[in-house]
Amino acid sequence: MTEKPKRSSKGGRPTYRPSLEDRQTVEEMKFVGESDNMIARALRIDPDTLRKHFANELADGHAQRRKEIIGLLFKSARDGNVAAQKKLEEMGRVSAAADAVKARESKAPKLGKKEEQQIAAQNVAGKFAPPMPPKLVVHNK
């Protein structure tokens, strides 16, 4: 009985290992609105590989880059950059206005089938409206 020699490595391509530069590229491209397929094409990897290795960057990339930009805006504003100060004021105003609009808009609760049918039955008018109840002639005291 002869033993087969053990193979030290598998055949095929080596496993993909993302670099910090690749992670930064994914966050930047996601921030500007690129699709997953376009980002994968830029990195020369399969979209499934992108989703596997860059799940956090794809999910949180936009938020992380926005945080970075806002931090840079605040730093510039503190250093006296008037344009940055105005942009931050505008962003705050827009955010406050959006919060006010959301607070004003209260959604009506979603009704089920039976509730909708009961409301529709109460609103029937014309020929198919239910008759008025009889008026009592005698007042019993």
N, C-alpha and C. Protein backbone atom coordinates (compact mmCIF):
# COMPACT_ATOMS: atom_id res chain seq x y z
N MET A 1 0.84 -1.16 0.00
CA MET A 1 0.00 0.00 0.00
C MET A 1 0.90 1.24 0.00
N THR A 2 0.75 2.05 -1.01
CA THR A 2 1.56 3.25 -1.09
C THR A 2 0.75 4.45 -0.64
N GLU A 3 1.39 5.35 0.06
CA GLU A 3 0.71 6.56 0.54
C GLU A 3 0.81 7.65 -0.50
N LYS A 4 -0.29 8.41 -0.61
CA LYS A 4 -0.29 9.53 -1.52
C LYS A 4 0.40 10.70 -0.82
N PRO A 5 1.17 11.46 -1.56
CA PRO A 5 1.80 12.62 -0.92
C PRO A 5 0.73 13.67 -0.58
N LYS A 6 0.87 14.28 0.58
CA LYS A 6 -0.09 15.30 1.01
C LYS A 6 0.21 16.61 0.28
N ARG A 7 -0.83 17.23 -0.16
CA ARG A 7 -0.68 18.52 -0.85
C ARG A 7 -0.72 19.62 0.19
N SER A 8 0.21 20.50 0.12
CA SER A 8 0.29 21.58 1.10
C SER A 8 -0.67 22.71 0.79
N SER A 9 -1.08 22.85 -0.46
CA SER A 9 -2.01 23.93 -0.81
C SER A 9 -3.03 23.43 -1.81
N LYS A 10 -4.14 24.12 -1.83
CA LYS A 10 -5.19 23.79 -2.78
C LYS A 10 -4.87 24.42 -4.12
N GLY A 11 -5.44 23.88 -5.15
CA GLY A 11 -5.26 24.47 -6.46
C GLY A 11 -6.19 25.64 -6.65
N GLY A 12 -6.01 26.38 -7.70
CA GLY A 12 -6.89 27.51 -7.99
C GLY A 12 -6.35 28.82 -7.46
N ARG A 13 -7.20 29.80 -7.46
CA ARG A 13 -6.80 31.12 -7.01
C ARG A 13 -6.64 31.18 -5.49
N PRO A 14 -5.76 32.04 -5.03
CA PRO A 14 -5.67 32.22 -3.58
C PRO A 14 -6.89 32.97 -3.05
N THR A 15 -7.17 32.81 -1.77
CA THR A 15 -8.32 33.46 -1.14
C THR A 15 -8.12 34.97 -1.18
N TYR A 16 -9.20 35.69 -1.47
CA TYR A 16 -9.14 37.15 -1.52
C TYR A 16 -8.99 37.71 -0.12
N ARG A 17 -8.06 38.64 0.04
CA ARG A 17 -7.87 39.32 1.31
C ARG A 17 -7.94 40.82 1.06
N PRO A 18 -8.98 41.48 1.60
CA PRO A 18 -9.12 42.92 1.35
C PRO A 18 -8.08 43.73 2.12
N SER A 19 -7.58 44.76 1.48
CA SER A 19 -6.63 45.66 2.12
C SER A 19 -7.39 46.85 2.69
N LEU A 20 -6.71 47.64 3.52
CA LEU A 20 -7.33 48.85 4.07
C LEU A 20 -7.67 49.83 2.96
N GLU A 21 -6.83 49.87 1.94
CA GLU A 21 -7.10 50.75 0.79
C GLU A 21 -8.37 50.32 0.06
N ASP A 22 -8.55 49.00 -0.09
CA ASP A 22 -9.77 48.49 -0.72
C ASP A 22 -11.00 48.85 0.10
N ARG A 23 -10.91 48.73 1.42
CA ARG A 23 -12.03 49.08 2.30
C ARG A 23 -12.39 50.56 2.16
N GLN A 24 -11.37 51.40 2.09
CA GLN A 24 -11.59 52.83 1.93
C GLN A 24 -12.23 53.13 0.57
N THR A 25 -11.78 52.44 -0.45
CA THR A 25 -12.34 52.62 -1.80
C THR A 25 -13.81 52.24 -1.82
N VAL A 26 -14.16 51.12 -1.16
CA VAL A 26 -15.56 50.69 -1.12
C VAL A 26 -16.41 51.74 -0.41
N GLU A 27 -15.94 52.26 0.73
CA GLU A 27 -16.70 53.30 1.45
C GLU A 27 -16.89 54.53 0.59
N GLU A 28 -15.82 54.96 -0.08
CA GLU A 28 -15.91 56.17 -0.91
C GLU A 28 -16.87 55.98 -2.08
N MET A 29 -16.78 54.84 -2.74
CA MET A 29 -17.66 54.61 -3.89
C MET A 29 -19.11 54.46 -3.45
N LYS A 30 -19.33 53.82 -2.30
CA LYS A 30 -20.69 53.68 -1.78
C LYS A 30 -21.26 55.05 -1.41
N PHE A 31 -20.41 55.93 -0.87
CA PHE A 31 -20.84 57.27 -0.47
C PHE A 31 -21.36 58.07 -1.67
N VAL A 32 -20.71 57.93 -2.80
CA VAL A 32 -21.14 58.70 -3.97
C VAL A 32 -22.24 58.01 -4.76
N GLY A 33 -22.72 56.84 -4.25
CA GLY A 33 -23.90 56.22 -4.84
C GLY A 33 -23.64 55.14 -5.88
N GLU A 34 -22.42 54.63 -5.96
CA GLU A 34 -22.13 53.58 -6.93
C GLU A 34 -22.80 52.27 -6.52
N SER A 35 -23.18 51.47 -7.49
CA SER A 35 -23.81 50.18 -7.22
C SER A 35 -22.76 49.17 -6.79
N ASP A 36 -23.24 48.09 -6.17
CA ASP A 36 -22.33 47.03 -5.74
C ASP A 36 -21.58 46.43 -6.93
N ASN A 37 -22.27 46.27 -8.05
CA ASN A 37 -21.62 45.70 -9.24
C ASN A 37 -20.51 46.61 -9.75
N MET A 38 -20.73 47.92 -9.72
CA MET A 38 -19.71 48.85 -10.19
C MET A 38 -18.51 48.85 -9.25
N ILE A 39 -18.76 48.78 -7.94
CA ILE A 39 -17.66 48.75 -6.97
C ILE A 39 -16.85 47.47 -7.16
N ALA A 40 -17.54 46.34 -7.33
CA ALA A 40 -16.84 45.07 -7.55
C ALA A 40 -16.00 45.13 -8.83
N ARG A 41 -16.54 45.72 -9.86
CA ARG A 41 -15.80 45.85 -11.12
C ARG A 41 -14.56 46.70 -10.93
N ALA A 42 -14.67 47.79 -10.15
CA ALA A 42 -13.51 48.66 -9.90
C ALA A 42 -12.42 47.92 -9.13
N LEU A 43 -12.81 47.04 -8.21
CA LEU A 43 -11.83 46.28 -7.43
C LEU A 43 -11.39 45.00 -8.14
N ARG A 44 -12.03 44.70 -9.28
CA ARG A 44 -11.75 43.51 -10.07
C ARG A 44 -12.00 42.23 -9.27
N ILE A 45 -13.16 42.23 -8.59
CA ILE A 45 -13.60 41.04 -7.87
C ILE A 45 -15.05 40.77 -8.22
N ASP A 46 -15.53 39.60 -7.85
CA ASP A 46 -16.92 39.22 -8.08
C ASP A 46 -17.84 39.96 -7.10
N PRO A 47 -19.05 40.33 -7.51
CA PRO A 47 -19.96 41.00 -6.57
C PRO A 47 -20.24 40.18 -5.31
N ASP A 48 -20.29 38.85 -5.42
CA ASP A 48 -20.48 38.02 -4.23
C ASP A 48 -19.29 38.13 -3.28
N THR A 49 -18.09 38.20 -3.83
CA THR A 49 -16.89 38.38 -3.01
C THR A 49 -16.95 39.74 -2.32
N LEU A 50 -17.40 40.75 -3.04
CA LEU A 50 -17.54 42.09 -2.46
C LEU A 50 -18.50 42.05 -1.26
N ARG A 51 -19.66 41.44 -1.44
CA ARG A 51 -20.64 41.38 -0.35
C ARG A 51 -20.12 40.56 0.83
N LYS A 52 -19.33 39.53 0.55
CA LYS A 52 -18.80 38.68 1.60
C LYS A 52 -17.75 39.41 2.44
N HIS A 53 -16.81 40.08 1.79
CA HIS A 53 -15.68 40.68 2.50
C HIS A 53 -15.91 42.14 2.92
N PHE A 54 -16.88 42.80 2.32
CA PHE A 54 -17.08 44.22 2.60
C PHE A 54 -18.49 44.51 3.09
N ALA A 55 -19.09 43.60 3.82
CA ALA A 55 -20.48 43.78 4.27
C ALA A 55 -20.61 45.04 5.13
N ASN A 56 -19.68 45.25 6.06
CA ASN A 56 -19.76 46.44 6.93
C ASN A 56 -19.59 47.72 6.14
N GLU A 57 -18.65 47.73 5.22
CA GLU A 57 -18.40 48.95 4.43
C GLU A 57 -19.60 49.27 3.55
N LEU A 58 -20.24 48.24 2.98
CA LEU A 58 -21.41 48.47 2.14
C LEU A 58 -22.59 48.97 2.97
N ALA A 59 -22.74 48.45 4.18
CA ALA A 59 -23.87 48.85 5.03
C ALA A 59 -23.64 50.21 5.67
N ASP A 60 -22.42 50.46 6.14
CA ASP A 60 -22.15 51.67 6.92
C ASP A 60 -21.25 52.68 6.22
N GLY A 61 -20.83 52.39 5.00
CA GLY A 61 -19.88 53.25 4.30
C GLY A 61 -20.38 54.66 4.13
N HIS A 62 -21.63 54.81 3.75
CA HIS A 62 -22.19 56.14 3.54
C HIS A 62 -22.19 56.93 4.85
N ALA A 63 -22.61 56.29 5.91
CA ALA A 63 -22.68 56.97 7.20
C ALA A 63 -21.28 57.36 7.69
N GLN A 64 -20.30 56.48 7.49
CA GLN A 64 -18.94 56.78 7.95
C GLN A 64 -18.34 57.96 7.18
N ARG A 65 -18.54 57.98 5.88
CA ARG A 65 -18.00 59.09 5.08
C ARG A 65 -18.73 60.40 5.39
N ARG A 66 -20.02 60.33 5.62
CA ARG A 66 -20.78 61.55 5.97
C ARG A 66 -20.28 62.09 7.31
N LYS A 67 -20.03 61.19 8.26
CA LYS A 67 -19.48 61.60 9.55
C LYS A 67 -18.13 62.30 9.37
N GLU A 68 -17.30 61.73 8.49
CA GLU A 68 -15.99 62.32 8.23
C GLU A 68 -16.12 63.72 7.63
N ILE A 69 -17.03 63.87 6.67
CA ILE A 69 -17.22 65.17 6.02
C ILE A 69 -17.74 66.20 7.02
N ILE A 70 -18.69 65.79 7.85
CA ILE A 70 -19.23 66.72 8.84
C ILE A 70 -18.14 67.13 9.83
N GLY A 71 -17.29 66.18 10.22
CA GLY A 71 -16.16 66.51 11.10
C GLY A 71 -15.23 67.52 10.46
N LEU A 72 -14.94 67.34 9.16
CA LEU A 72 -14.09 68.30 8.45
C LEU A 72 -14.76 69.68 8.36
N LEU A 73 -16.07 69.68 8.14
CA LEU A 73 -16.79 70.95 8.09
C LEU A 73 -16.70 71.69 9.43
N PHE A 74 -16.90 70.97 10.53
CA PHE A 74 -16.82 71.60 11.85
C PHE A 74 -15.41 72.13 12.11
N LYS A 75 -14.39 71.36 11.73
CA LYS A 75 -13.01 71.81 11.93
C LYS A 75 -12.75 73.10 11.14
N SER A 76 -13.20 73.12 9.88
CA SER A 76 -13.02 74.31 9.04
C SER A 76 -13.80 75.49 9.61
N ALA A 77 -15.01 75.24 10.10
CA ALA A 77 -15.84 76.31 10.65
C ALA A 77 -15.18 76.90 11.90
N ARG A 78 -14.61 76.04 12.74
CA ARG A 78 -13.93 76.53 13.96
C ARG A 78 -12.69 77.33 13.61
N ASP A 79 -12.05 77.00 12.48
CA ASP A 79 -10.86 77.72 12.05
C ASP A 79 -11.21 79.03 11.36
N GLY A 80 -12.50 79.34 11.24
CA GLY A 80 -12.93 80.62 10.69
C GLY A 80 -13.40 80.58 9.26
N ASN A 81 -13.57 79.43 8.66
CA ASN A 81 -14.04 79.32 7.29
C ASN A 81 -15.54 79.64 7.26
N VAL A 82 -15.89 80.79 6.71
CA VAL A 82 -17.27 81.26 6.72
C VAL A 82 -18.16 80.37 5.85
N ALA A 83 -17.65 79.87 4.74
CA ALA A 83 -18.44 78.99 3.88
C ALA A 83 -18.83 77.71 4.64
N ALA A 84 -17.88 77.18 5.41
CA ALA A 84 -18.18 75.98 6.20
C ALA A 84 -19.21 76.30 7.28
N GLN A 85 -19.10 77.46 7.88
CA GLN A 85 -20.06 77.86 8.91
C GLN A 85 -21.47 77.96 8.32
N LYS A 86 -21.58 78.56 7.14
CA LYS A 86 -22.88 78.70 6.49
C LYS A 86 -23.45 77.33 6.10
N LYS A 87 -22.59 76.45 5.61
CA LYS A 87 -23.05 75.12 5.21
C LYS A 87 -23.57 74.35 6.42
N LEU A 88 -22.88 74.44 7.55
CA LEU A 88 -23.32 73.77 8.77
C LEU A 88 -24.65 74.35 9.26
N GLU A 89 -24.78 75.67 9.17
CA GLU A 89 -26.05 76.30 9.58
C GLU A 89 -27.18 75.82 8.69
N GLU A 90 -26.92 75.75 7.40
CA GLU A 90 -27.93 75.28 6.44
C GLU A 90 -28.31 73.83 6.73
N MET A 91 -27.32 72.99 7.00
CA MET A 91 -27.58 71.58 7.29
C MET A 91 -28.42 71.45 8.56
N GLY A 92 -28.14 72.26 9.56
CA GLY A 92 -28.90 72.24 10.81
C GLY A 92 -30.34 72.69 10.60
N ARG A 93 -30.51 73.74 9.78
CA ARG A 93 -31.85 74.25 9.50
C ARG A 93 -32.68 73.21 8.75
N VAL A 94 -32.09 72.58 7.76
CA VAL A 94 -32.79 71.58 6.96
C VAL A 94 -33.17 70.40 7.85
N SER A 95 -32.26 69.99 8.70
CA SER A 95 -32.53 68.87 9.60
C SER A 95 -33.66 69.20 10.57
N ALA A 96 -33.63 70.42 11.12
CA ALA A 96 -34.68 70.83 12.07
C ALA A 96 -36.04 70.92 11.36
N ALA A 97 -36.04 71.42 10.12
CA ALA A 97 -37.29 71.53 9.37
C ALA A 97 -37.84 70.14 9.05
N ALA A 98 -36.96 69.21 8.70
CA ALA A 98 -37.41 67.85 8.39
C ALA A 98 -37.99 67.19 9.64
N ASP A 99 -37.37 67.43 10.80
CA ASP A 99 -37.90 66.87 12.05
C ASP A 99 -39.27 67.46 12.38
N ALA A 100 -39.44 68.76 12.12
CA ALA A 100 -40.73 69.40 12.40
C ALA A 100 -41.83 68.84 11.49
N VAL A 101 -41.50 68.62 10.24
CA VAL A 101 -42.48 68.07 9.30
C VAL A 101 -42.86 66.65 9.73
N LYS A 102 -41.89 65.85 10.13
CA LYS A 102 -42.18 64.49 10.56
C LYS A 102 -43.06 64.49 11.81
N ALA A 103 -42.83 65.45 12.70
CA ALA A 103 -43.63 65.52 13.92
C ALA A 103 -45.08 65.90 13.61
N ARG A 104 -45.26 66.77 12.61
CA ARG A 104 -46.62 67.20 12.24
C ARG A 104 -47.40 66.09 11.55
N GLU A 105 -46.71 65.30 10.77
CA GLU A 105 -47.38 64.25 10.01
C GLU A 105 -47.61 63.05 10.92
N SER A 106 -48.86 62.85 11.28
CA SER A 106 -49.18 61.66 12.05
C SER A 106 -50.00 60.74 11.16
N LYS A 107 -49.53 59.55 11.02
CA LYS A 107 -50.19 58.61 10.12
C LYS A 107 -51.41 58.01 10.82
N ALA A 108 -52.47 57.85 10.08
CA ALA A 108 -53.67 57.19 10.61
C ALA A 108 -53.36 55.71 10.74
N PRO A 109 -53.89 55.08 11.76
CA PRO A 109 -53.62 53.65 11.92
C PRO A 109 -54.20 52.85 10.76
N LYS A 110 -53.51 51.83 10.36
CA LYS A 110 -53.97 50.99 9.26
C LYS A 110 -55.16 50.17 9.72
N LEU A 111 -56.23 50.24 8.96
CA LEU A 111 -57.44 49.52 9.30
C LEU A 111 -57.45 48.15 8.63
N GLY A 112 -58.08 47.20 9.28
CA GLY A 112 -58.24 45.88 8.71
C GLY A 112 -59.42 45.84 7.76
N LYS A 113 -59.65 44.69 7.15
CA LYS A 113 -60.75 44.54 6.19
C LYS A 113 -62.11 44.80 6.83
N LYS A 114 -62.32 44.23 8.01
CA LYS A 114 -63.63 44.37 8.64
C LYS A 114 -63.91 45.82 9.01
N GLU A 115 -62.93 46.51 9.55
CA GLU A 115 -63.13 47.92 9.91
C GLU A 115 -63.44 48.76 8.68
N GLU A 116 -62.71 48.49 7.57
CA GLU A 116 -62.96 49.23 6.33
C GLU A 116 -64.38 48.96 5.82
N GLN A 117 -64.84 47.72 5.91
CA GLN A 117 -66.18 47.37 5.44
C GLN A 117 -67.25 48.03 6.32
N GLN A 118 -67.02 48.09 7.63
CA GLN A 118 -67.98 48.72 8.53
C GLN A 118 -68.09 50.22 8.25
N ILE A 119 -66.96 50.86 8.01
CA ILE A 119 -66.97 52.29 7.69
C ILE A 119 -67.68 52.52 6.37
N ALA A 120 -67.43 51.67 5.38
CA ALA A 120 -68.09 51.80 4.08
C ALA A 120 -69.59 51.59 4.23
N ALA A 121 -70.01 50.65 5.08
CA ALA A 121 -71.44 50.39 5.28
C ALA A 121 -72.12 51.58 5.96
N GLN A 122 -71.42 52.26 6.86
CA GLN A 122 -72.00 53.42 7.54
C GLN A 122 -72.14 54.61 6.61
N ASN A 123 -71.33 54.65 5.58
CA ASN A 123 -71.34 55.79 4.67
C ASN A 123 -72.23 55.58 3.45
N VAL A 124 -73.03 54.54 3.45
CA VAL A 124 -73.92 54.27 2.32
C VAL A 124 -75.03 55.32 2.32
N ALA A 125 -75.30 55.87 1.17
CA ALA A 125 -76.35 56.90 1.05
C ALA A 125 -77.19 56.59 -0.18
N GLY A 126 -78.29 57.31 -0.30
CA GLY A 126 -79.13 57.17 -1.48
C GLY A 126 -80.12 56.03 -1.35
N LYS A 127 -80.36 55.36 -2.46
CA LYS A 127 -81.38 54.32 -2.56
C LYS A 127 -81.10 53.14 -1.60
N PHE A 128 -79.81 52.84 -1.36
CA PHE A 128 -79.46 51.68 -0.56
C PHE A 128 -79.12 52.02 0.89
N ALA A 129 -79.38 53.24 1.30
CA ALA A 129 -79.11 53.64 2.68
C ALA A 129 -80.11 52.96 3.62
N PRO A 130 -79.69 52.59 4.81
CA PRO A 130 -80.63 51.96 5.76
C PRO A 130 -81.69 52.98 6.19
N PRO A 131 -82.90 52.51 6.47
CA PRO A 131 -83.97 53.44 6.85
C PRO A 131 -83.69 54.05 8.23
N MET A 132 -84.26 55.21 8.44
CA MET A 132 -84.13 55.89 9.72
C MET A 132 -84.93 55.11 10.76
N PRO A 133 -84.48 55.04 12.01
CA PRO A 133 -85.25 54.35 13.04
C PRO A 133 -86.53 55.11 13.33
N PRO A 134 -87.56 54.39 13.79
CA PRO A 134 -88.84 55.05 14.06
C PRO A 134 -88.73 56.03 15.23
N LYS A 135 -89.51 57.10 15.14
CA LYS A 135 -89.52 58.08 16.22
C LYS A 135 -90.59 57.66 17.24
N LEU A 136 -90.25 57.76 18.49
CA LEU A 136 -91.19 57.39 19.53
C LEU A 136 -92.21 58.52 19.75
N VAL A 137 -93.47 58.15 19.77
CA VAL A 137 -94.54 59.12 19.97
C VAL A 137 -94.78 59.33 21.47
N VAL A 138 -94.70 58.27 22.22
CA VAL A 138 -94.97 58.32 23.64
C VAL A 138 -93.66 58.48 24.40
N HIS A 139 -93.66 59.43 25.32
CA HIS A 139 -92.51 59.61 26.18
C HIS A 139 -92.79 58.92 27.49
N ASN A 140 -92.13 57.85 27.74
CA ASN A 140 -92.32 57.14 29.02
C ASN A 140 -91.40 57.76 30.06
N LYS A 141 -92.04 58.26 31.13
CA LYS A 141 -91.24 58.84 32.20
C LYS A 141 -91.28 58.02 33.41
